[in-house]
Amino acid sequence: MSFTHLDDAGNPAMVDVSEKQITKRTAKAQAVVLLNGEVLRHFSNNDIQTKKGSVFQTAILAGIMGAKKTSELIPLCHSLGLENCHIHIQLNEQNEIIINCIATMTAKTGVEMEALTGASIAALTIYDMCKAFSHEIVIKEIKLIEKTGGKSDYLRK
């Protein structure tokens, strides 16, 4: 297998999707943010309120906006008109914030990068809004959970 974003001469190139089938494409990505006690003590009603507003609501909006701008942020990504993008944020029992981003559209190419970007931007927004409480915040991981559509599906085990 070779890199898909290189032409025959080894130069950067956008992948030609002109011959691909149009199918419904969905991708789910996840980011995990670790908070310390200093930040956690500001939790109330499953969110954190700051002078800038609700952390989770702002992160959801930022994540969706980021997913929509993926092709402007990542070189060689196709410009896609997302048909749906949903971000869910919750605090788990280990005091980790779990961010899930699901991106969907009907197209010739997948939406994995949009889902990953949405989860990433939401995590960065949480960091930005909470850093006044503590810089001991860690964005632990960002990963693709699953994708459907196209020539192959993927599900992380």
N, C-alpha and C. Protein backbone atom coordinates (compact mmCIF):
# COMPACT_ATOMS: atom_id res chain seq x y z
N MET A 1 0.84 -1.18 0.00
CA MET A 1 0.00 0.00 0.00
C MET A 1 0.89 1.25 0.00
N SER A 2 0.46 2.28 -0.70
CA SER A 2 1.23 3.51 -0.77
C SER A 2 0.43 4.65 -0.15
N PHE A 3 1.10 5.78 0.08
CA PHE A 3 0.41 6.96 0.59
C PHE A 3 -0.55 7.47 -0.47
N THR A 4 -1.76 7.77 -0.05
CA THR A 4 -2.78 8.21 -1.02
C THR A 4 -2.63 9.67 -1.40
N HIS A 5 -1.89 10.44 -0.62
CA HIS A 5 -1.79 11.87 -0.89
C HIS A 5 -0.48 12.25 -1.57
N LEU A 6 0.09 11.31 -2.33
CA LEU A 6 1.28 11.58 -3.13
C LEU A 6 1.01 11.18 -4.57
N ASP A 7 1.49 12.00 -5.52
CA ASP A 7 1.33 11.62 -6.92
C ASP A 7 2.47 10.69 -7.33
N ASP A 8 2.52 10.33 -8.60
CA ASP A 8 3.54 9.40 -9.09
C ASP A 8 4.96 9.90 -8.90
N ALA A 9 5.13 11.23 -8.83
CA ALA A 9 6.45 11.83 -8.65
C ALA A 9 6.78 12.05 -7.16
N GLY A 10 5.88 11.66 -6.29
CA GLY A 10 6.12 11.83 -4.86
C GLY A 10 5.73 13.20 -4.31
N ASN A 11 5.01 13.97 -5.10
CA ASN A 11 4.57 15.29 -4.66
C ASN A 11 3.20 15.21 -3.99
N PRO A 12 2.91 16.15 -3.09
CA PRO A 12 1.59 16.16 -2.44
C PRO A 12 0.49 16.31 -3.48
N ALA A 13 -0.60 15.55 -3.28
CA ALA A 13 -1.71 15.60 -4.23
C ALA A 13 -3.01 15.27 -3.50
N MET A 14 -4.07 15.91 -3.94
CA MET A 14 -5.39 15.57 -3.42
C MET A 14 -5.80 14.24 -4.04
N VAL A 15 -6.45 13.39 -3.27
CA VAL A 15 -6.92 12.10 -3.78
C VAL A 15 -8.04 12.36 -4.78
N ASP A 16 -7.96 11.71 -5.94
CA ASP A 16 -9.00 11.83 -6.96
C ASP A 16 -10.16 10.92 -6.59
N VAL A 17 -11.30 11.51 -6.23
CA VAL A 17 -12.47 10.72 -5.85
C VAL A 17 -13.54 10.72 -6.95
N SER A 18 -13.19 11.21 -8.13
CA SER A 18 -14.17 11.38 -9.20
C SER A 18 -14.81 10.06 -9.64
N GLU A 19 -14.12 8.95 -9.49
CA GLU A 19 -14.66 7.66 -9.90
C GLU A 19 -15.35 6.89 -8.78
N LYS A 20 -15.31 7.43 -7.57
CA LYS A 20 -15.92 6.74 -6.42
C LYS A 20 -17.43 6.83 -6.46
N GLN A 21 -18.07 5.87 -5.78
CA GLN A 21 -19.51 5.84 -5.66
C GLN A 21 -19.98 6.82 -4.59
N ILE A 22 -21.12 7.42 -4.82
CA ILE A 22 -21.75 8.26 -3.81
C ILE A 22 -22.50 7.34 -2.85
N THR A 23 -22.13 7.40 -1.58
CA THR A 23 -22.82 6.61 -0.55
C THR A 23 -22.99 7.47 0.70
N LYS A 24 -23.86 7.02 1.58
CA LYS A 24 -24.00 7.69 2.87
C LYS A 24 -22.76 7.35 3.69
N ARG A 25 -22.09 8.36 4.19
CA ARG A 25 -20.85 8.20 4.96
C ARG A 25 -21.08 8.76 6.37
N THR A 26 -20.66 8.00 7.36
CA THR A 26 -20.76 8.43 8.75
C THR A 26 -19.46 8.11 9.45
N ALA A 27 -19.04 9.00 10.32
CA ALA A 27 -17.84 8.74 11.13
C ALA A 27 -18.09 9.24 12.54
N LYS A 28 -17.57 8.48 13.50
CA LYS A 28 -17.65 8.86 14.90
C LYS A 28 -16.24 8.92 15.46
N ALA A 29 -15.91 10.06 16.06
CA ALA A 29 -14.60 10.25 16.68
C ALA A 29 -14.80 10.62 18.13
N GLN A 30 -13.75 10.38 18.91
CA GLN A 30 -13.83 10.66 20.34
C GLN A 30 -12.57 11.36 20.83
N ALA A 31 -12.76 12.32 21.71
CA ALA A 31 -11.64 12.96 22.41
C ALA A 31 -11.91 12.80 23.90
N VAL A 32 -10.83 12.64 24.67
CA VAL A 32 -10.93 12.49 26.11
C VAL A 32 -10.09 13.58 26.76
N VAL A 33 -10.70 14.32 27.68
CA VAL A 33 -10.02 15.40 28.38
C VAL A 33 -10.01 15.08 29.87
N LEU A 34 -8.81 15.12 30.47
CA LEU A 34 -8.66 14.88 31.90
C LEU A 34 -8.63 16.20 32.64
N LEU A 35 -9.43 16.28 33.68
CA LEU A 35 -9.48 17.49 34.50
C LEU A 35 -8.98 17.18 35.90
N ASN A 36 -8.40 18.17 36.54
CA ASN A 36 -7.99 17.96 37.93
C ASN A 36 -9.07 18.51 38.86
N GLY A 37 -8.85 18.33 40.16
CA GLY A 37 -9.83 18.75 41.15
C GLY A 37 -10.15 20.23 41.12
N GLU A 38 -9.16 21.04 40.81
CA GLU A 38 -9.37 22.49 40.76
C GLU A 38 -10.43 22.86 39.73
N VAL A 39 -10.41 22.19 38.58
CA VAL A 39 -11.41 22.45 37.55
C VAL A 39 -12.72 21.77 37.93
N LEU A 40 -12.65 20.53 38.41
CA LEU A 40 -13.85 19.76 38.72
C LEU A 40 -14.73 20.43 39.77
N ARG A 41 -14.14 21.17 40.68
CA ARG A 41 -14.95 21.79 41.73
C ARG A 41 -15.88 22.87 41.18
N HIS A 42 -15.67 23.27 39.93
CA HIS A 42 -16.54 24.27 39.30
C HIS A 42 -17.73 23.64 38.57
N PHE A 43 -17.82 22.28 38.57
CA PHE A 43 -18.93 21.60 37.92
C PHE A 43 -20.23 21.83 38.68
N SER A 44 -21.28 22.07 37.93
CA SER A 44 -22.62 22.21 38.49
C SER A 44 -23.62 21.84 37.39
N ASN A 45 -24.55 20.96 37.69
CA ASN A 45 -25.56 20.53 36.71
C ASN A 45 -24.93 20.01 35.42
N ASN A 46 -23.92 19.16 35.56
CA ASN A 46 -23.26 18.50 34.43
C ASN A 46 -22.61 19.46 33.44
N ASP A 47 -22.12 20.58 33.90
CA ASP A 47 -21.43 21.54 33.04
C ASP A 47 -20.59 22.44 33.94
N ILE A 48 -19.79 23.27 33.31
CA ILE A 48 -19.00 24.27 34.03
C ILE A 48 -19.42 25.63 33.51
N GLN A 49 -19.78 26.51 34.42
CA GLN A 49 -20.14 27.87 34.04
C GLN A 49 -18.94 28.78 34.28
N THR A 50 -18.57 29.56 33.28
CA THR A 50 -17.47 30.52 33.41
C THR A 50 -17.99 31.90 33.05
N LYS A 51 -17.13 32.89 33.17
CA LYS A 51 -17.50 34.24 32.75
C LYS A 51 -17.78 34.29 31.25
N LYS A 52 -17.20 33.32 30.51
CA LYS A 52 -17.44 33.24 29.06
C LYS A 52 -18.71 32.46 28.74
N GLY A 53 -19.33 31.83 29.75
CA GLY A 53 -20.56 31.06 29.52
C GLY A 53 -20.37 29.59 29.80
N SER A 54 -21.32 28.80 29.34
CA SER A 54 -21.31 27.35 29.52
C SER A 54 -20.17 26.72 28.72
N VAL A 55 -19.33 25.97 29.40
CA VAL A 55 -18.18 25.35 28.73
C VAL A 55 -18.64 24.31 27.71
N PHE A 56 -19.52 23.42 28.11
CA PHE A 56 -19.92 22.35 27.19
C PHE A 56 -20.71 22.88 26.00
N GLN A 57 -21.62 23.82 26.21
CA GLN A 57 -22.39 24.37 25.11
C GLN A 57 -21.48 25.10 24.12
N THR A 58 -20.51 25.84 24.63
CA THR A 58 -19.56 26.54 23.76
C THR A 58 -18.70 25.53 23.00
N ALA A 59 -18.26 24.47 23.67
CA ALA A 59 -17.43 23.44 23.02
C ALA A 59 -18.21 22.72 21.92
N ILE A 60 -19.49 22.49 22.14
CA ILE A 60 -20.31 21.85 21.11
C ILE A 60 -20.38 22.74 19.87
N LEU A 61 -20.65 24.02 20.06
CA LEU A 61 -20.70 24.93 18.92
C LEU A 61 -19.35 25.02 18.21
N ALA A 62 -18.28 25.13 18.97
CA ALA A 62 -16.94 25.21 18.38
C ALA A 62 -16.60 23.95 17.61
N GLY A 63 -16.95 22.80 18.16
CA GLY A 63 -16.67 21.53 17.49
C GLY A 63 -17.39 21.41 16.16
N ILE A 64 -18.65 21.80 16.14
CA ILE A 64 -19.41 21.76 14.88
C ILE A 64 -18.80 22.73 13.87
N MET A 65 -18.47 23.93 14.33
CA MET A 65 -17.84 24.90 13.43
C MET A 65 -16.51 24.38 12.90
N GLY A 66 -15.73 23.74 13.76
CA GLY A 66 -14.44 23.17 13.33
C GLY A 66 -14.63 22.07 12.30
N ALA A 67 -15.60 21.19 12.54
CA ALA A 67 -15.85 20.09 11.59
C ALA A 67 -16.21 20.66 10.22
N LYS A 68 -16.98 21.73 10.19
CA LYS A 68 -17.38 22.35 8.92
C LYS A 68 -16.20 22.99 8.20
N LYS A 69 -15.14 23.33 8.91
CA LYS A 69 -13.98 23.99 8.31
C LYS A 69 -12.77 23.07 8.14
N THR A 70 -12.98 21.76 8.23
CA THR A 70 -11.87 20.80 8.18
C THR A 70 -10.98 21.00 6.96
N SER A 71 -11.57 21.18 5.79
CA SER A 71 -10.75 21.32 4.58
C SER A 71 -9.90 22.58 4.57
N GLU A 72 -10.25 23.57 5.39
CA GLU A 72 -9.45 24.79 5.50
C GLU A 72 -8.29 24.60 6.47
N LEU A 73 -8.40 23.60 7.34
CA LEU A 73 -7.39 23.37 8.37
C LEU A 73 -6.38 22.29 8.01
N ILE A 74 -6.81 21.28 7.25
CA ILE A 74 -5.96 20.14 6.94
C ILE A 74 -5.69 20.12 5.44
N PRO A 75 -4.42 20.27 5.06
CA PRO A 75 -4.09 20.29 3.64
C PRO A 75 -4.55 19.00 2.95
N LEU A 76 -5.05 19.14 1.74
CA LEU A 76 -5.46 18.06 0.85
C LEU A 76 -6.77 17.39 1.23
N CYS A 77 -7.43 17.84 2.31
CA CYS A 77 -8.77 17.34 2.64
C CYS A 77 -9.75 17.89 1.62
N HIS A 78 -10.70 17.05 1.22
CA HIS A 78 -11.74 17.53 0.30
C HIS A 78 -12.69 18.46 1.05
N SER A 79 -13.18 19.44 0.35
CA SER A 79 -14.17 20.35 0.89
C SER A 79 -15.52 19.64 0.85
N LEU A 80 -16.10 19.42 2.02
CA LEU A 80 -17.35 18.67 2.11
C LEU A 80 -18.45 19.53 2.71
N GLY A 81 -19.64 19.35 2.21
CA GLY A 81 -20.81 20.00 2.79
C GLY A 81 -21.48 19.03 3.74
N LEU A 82 -21.11 19.09 5.01
CA LEU A 82 -21.69 18.17 5.98
C LEU A 82 -23.21 18.27 5.99
N GLU A 83 -23.85 17.12 6.10
CA GLU A 83 -25.30 17.11 6.20
C GLU A 83 -25.75 17.04 7.66
N ASN A 84 -24.87 16.54 8.52
CA ASN A 84 -25.18 16.51 9.94
C ASN A 84 -23.88 16.41 10.73
N CYS A 85 -23.85 17.05 11.86
CA CYS A 85 -22.73 16.94 12.78
C CYS A 85 -23.30 17.08 14.18
N HIS A 86 -23.05 16.09 15.01
CA HIS A 86 -23.59 16.09 16.36
C HIS A 86 -22.45 15.85 17.34
N ILE A 87 -22.39 16.65 18.38
CA ILE A 87 -21.36 16.49 19.41
C ILE A 87 -22.04 16.28 20.75
N HIS A 88 -21.61 15.24 21.45
CA HIS A 88 -22.13 14.93 22.78
C HIS A 88 -20.96 14.96 23.76
N ILE A 89 -21.16 15.64 24.88
CA ILE A 89 -20.11 15.77 25.89
C ILE A 89 -20.65 15.34 27.24
N GLN A 90 -19.87 14.51 27.95
CA GLN A 90 -20.28 14.11 29.29
C GLN A 90 -19.05 13.84 30.15
N LEU A 91 -19.25 13.93 31.44
CA LEU A 91 -18.22 13.62 32.43
C LEU A 91 -18.45 12.19 32.89
N ASN A 92 -17.43 11.32 32.81
CA ASN A 92 -17.60 9.94 33.25
C ASN A 92 -17.17 9.77 34.72
N GLU A 93 -17.23 8.53 35.20
CA GLU A 93 -16.92 8.22 36.60
C GLU A 93 -15.46 8.45 36.96
N GLN A 94 -14.57 8.46 35.96
CA GLN A 94 -13.14 8.69 36.19
C GLN A 94 -12.78 10.17 36.09
N ASN A 95 -13.80 11.03 36.10
CA ASN A 95 -13.60 12.48 35.96
C ASN A 95 -12.93 12.85 34.65
N GLU A 96 -13.24 12.11 33.61
CA GLU A 96 -12.78 12.41 32.26
C GLU A 96 -13.96 12.99 31.49
N ILE A 97 -13.69 13.99 30.70
CA ILE A 97 -14.72 14.50 29.81
C ILE A 97 -14.61 13.70 28.51
N ILE A 98 -15.71 13.06 28.14
CA ILE A 98 -15.76 12.27 26.91
C ILE A 98 -16.53 13.07 25.87
N ILE A 99 -15.87 13.34 24.76
CA ILE A 99 -16.46 14.11 23.66
C ILE A 99 -16.62 13.16 22.48
N ASN A 100 -17.85 13.00 22.00
CA ASN A 100 -18.10 12.20 20.81
C ASN A 100 -18.64 13.11 19.73
N CYS A 101 -18.06 13.00 18.54
CA CYS A 101 -18.50 13.78 17.38
C CYS A 101 -18.89 12.80 16.28
N ILE A 102 -20.11 12.93 15.80
CA ILE A 102 -20.60 12.11 14.69
C ILE A 102 -20.89 13.03 13.52
N ALA A 103 -20.24 12.75 12.40
CA ALA A 103 -20.42 13.53 11.17
C ALA A 103 -21.02 12.63 10.10
N THR A 104 -21.97 13.18 9.34
CA THR A 104 -22.68 12.39 8.33
C THR A 104 -22.87 13.21 7.06
N MET A 105 -22.78 12.51 5.93
CA MET A 105 -23.13 13.11 4.64
C MET A 105 -23.21 12.03 3.57
N THR A 106 -23.78 12.38 2.45
CA THR A 106 -23.83 11.50 1.30
C THR A 106 -22.85 12.07 0.29
N ALA A 107 -21.80 11.29 -0.02
CA ALA A 107 -20.73 11.83 -0.87
C ALA A 107 -19.86 10.71 -1.44
N LYS A 108 -18.79 11.14 -2.13
CA LYS A 108 -17.82 10.22 -2.72
C LYS A 108 -16.63 9.95 -1.82
N THR A 109 -16.54 10.66 -0.70
CA THR A 109 -15.43 10.48 0.22
C THR A 109 -15.94 10.56 1.65
N GLY A 110 -15.17 9.98 2.56
CA GLY A 110 -15.61 9.86 3.93
C GLY A 110 -15.49 11.13 4.75
N VAL A 111 -16.02 11.04 5.97
CA VAL A 111 -16.06 12.20 6.87
C VAL A 111 -15.27 11.95 8.15
N GLU A 112 -14.28 11.06 8.08
CA GLU A 112 -13.48 10.78 9.28
C GLU A 112 -12.76 12.02 9.79
N MET A 113 -12.16 12.76 8.88
CA MET A 113 -11.40 13.94 9.30
C MET A 113 -12.30 15.00 9.90
N GLU A 114 -13.52 15.11 9.40
CA GLU A 114 -14.47 16.08 9.97
C GLU A 114 -14.85 15.68 11.39
N ALA A 115 -15.10 14.40 11.61
CA ALA A 115 -15.44 13.93 12.96
C ALA A 115 -14.26 14.11 13.91
N LEU A 116 -13.06 13.78 13.46
CA LEU A 116 -11.86 13.95 14.29
C LEU A 116 -11.60 15.43 14.59
N THR A 117 -11.80 16.28 13.60
CA THR A 117 -11.60 17.72 13.81
C THR A 117 -12.64 18.26 14.78
N GLY A 118 -13.88 17.86 14.63
CA GLY A 118 -14.93 18.32 15.54
C GLY A 118 -14.64 17.96 16.98
N ALA A 119 -14.22 16.71 17.23
CA ALA A 119 -13.89 16.28 18.58
C ALA A 119 -12.67 17.04 19.10
N SER A 120 -11.68 17.26 18.24
CA SER A 120 -10.46 17.97 18.64
C SER A 120 -10.74 19.42 19.03
N ILE A 121 -11.51 20.11 18.21
CA ILE A 121 -11.81 21.52 18.47
C ILE A 121 -12.67 21.66 19.73
N ALA A 122 -13.58 20.73 19.95
CA ALA A 122 -14.38 20.77 21.19
C ALA A 122 -13.46 20.59 22.40
N ALA A 123 -12.50 19.66 22.32
CA ALA A 123 -11.56 19.44 23.43
C ALA A 123 -10.70 20.67 23.66
N LEU A 124 -10.21 21.28 22.60
CA LEU A 124 -9.39 22.49 22.74
C LEU A 124 -10.20 23.65 23.33
N THR A 125 -11.47 23.72 23.00
CA THR A 125 -12.33 24.77 23.55
C THR A 125 -12.51 24.57 25.05
N ILE A 126 -12.69 23.33 25.48
CA ILE A 126 -12.80 23.05 26.92
C ILE A 126 -11.51 23.46 27.61
N TYR A 127 -10.38 23.12 27.02
CA TYR A 127 -9.09 23.53 27.60
C TYR A 127 -9.03 25.06 27.72
N ASP A 128 -9.36 25.74 26.63
CA ASP A 128 -9.28 27.20 26.61
C ASP A 128 -10.17 27.84 27.67
N MET A 129 -11.37 27.34 27.81
CA MET A 129 -12.30 27.95 28.75
C MET A 129 -12.00 27.63 30.21
N CYS A 130 -11.29 26.51 30.45
CA CYS A 130 -11.01 26.08 31.83
C CYS A 130 -9.59 26.40 32.29
N LYS A 131 -8.75 26.86 31.41
CA LYS A 131 -7.34 27.07 31.79
C LYS A 131 -7.16 28.15 32.86
N ALA A 132 -8.14 29.03 33.02
CA ALA A 132 -8.05 30.03 34.08
C ALA A 132 -8.13 29.36 35.46
N PHE A 133 -8.80 28.21 35.55
CA PHE A 133 -8.90 27.47 36.80
C PHE A 133 -7.62 26.67 37.06
N SER A 134 -7.03 26.10 35.99
CA SER A 134 -5.83 25.27 36.11
C SER A 134 -5.29 24.95 34.73
N HIS A 135 -3.95 24.89 34.63
CA HIS A 135 -3.32 24.43 33.39
C HIS A 135 -3.04 22.93 33.44
N GLU A 136 -3.45 22.26 34.49
CA GLU A 136 -3.25 20.81 34.64
C GLU A 136 -4.36 20.04 33.93
N ILE A 137 -4.72 20.47 32.76
CA ILE A 137 -5.73 19.82 31.93
C ILE A 137 -4.97 19.05 30.84
N VAL A 138 -5.39 17.83 30.57
CA VAL A 138 -4.72 17.02 29.56
C VAL A 138 -5.74 16.53 28.54
N ILE A 139 -5.46 16.81 27.27
CA ILE A 139 -6.25 16.19 26.21
C ILE A 139 -5.57 14.84 25.96
N LYS A 140 -6.20 13.82 26.50
CA LYS A 140 -5.58 12.49 26.60
C LYS A 140 -5.49 11.78 25.25
N GLU A 141 -6.57 11.80 24.50
CA GLU A 141 -6.56 11.07 23.23
C GLU A 141 -7.65 11.59 22.31
N ILE A 142 -7.39 11.41 21.04
CA ILE A 142 -8.36 11.69 20.00
C ILE A 142 -8.28 10.51 19.05
N LYS A 143 -9.43 9.87 18.81
CA LYS A 143 -9.38 8.67 17.97
C LYS A 143 -10.67 8.48 17.18
N LEU A 144 -10.54 7.80 16.06
CA LEU A 144 -11.69 7.39 15.28
C LEU A 144 -12.30 6.17 15.96
N ILE A 145 -13.60 6.20 16.20
CA ILE A 145 -14.30 5.07 16.81
C ILE A 145 -14.88 4.16 15.74
N GLU A 146 -15.52 4.76 14.74
CA GLU A 146 -16.07 3.96 13.65
C GLU A 146 -16.34 4.83 12.44
N LYS A 147 -16.45 4.16 11.29
CA LYS A 147 -16.87 4.82 10.06
C LYS A 147 -17.66 3.83 9.22
N THR A 148 -18.62 4.35 8.50
CA THR A 148 -19.41 3.52 7.60
C THR A 148 -19.53 4.24 6.27
N GLY A 149 -19.81 3.45 5.22
CA GLY A 149 -19.96 3.98 3.88
C GLY A 149 -18.68 3.82 3.09
N GLY A 150 -18.79 3.95 1.80
CA GLY A 150 -17.61 3.76 0.97
C GLY A 150 -17.31 2.30 0.76
N LYS A 151 -16.04 2.00 0.43
CA LYS A 151 -15.68 0.62 0.12
C LYS A 151 -15.45 -0.25 1.35
N SER A 152 -15.24 0.37 2.51
CA SER A 152 -15.03 -0.44 3.73
C SER A 152 -15.50 0.31 4.96
N ASP A 153 -16.01 -0.45 5.91
CA ASP A 153 -16.40 0.11 7.20
C ASP A 153 -15.29 -0.15 8.20
N TYR A 154 -15.32 0.57 9.31
CA TYR A 154 -14.33 0.42 10.36
C TYR A 154 -15.01 0.55 11.70
N LEU A 155 -14.64 -0.32 12.65
CA LEU A 155 -15.12 -0.24 14.02
C LEU A 155 -13.96 -0.56 14.93
N ARG A 156 -13.59 0.41 15.78
CA ARG A 156 -12.51 0.19 16.75
C ARG A 156 -12.95 -0.85 17.76
N LYS A 157 -12.05 -1.78 18.02
CA LYS A 157 -12.36 -2.85 18.99
C LYS A 157 -11.78 -2.56 20.33
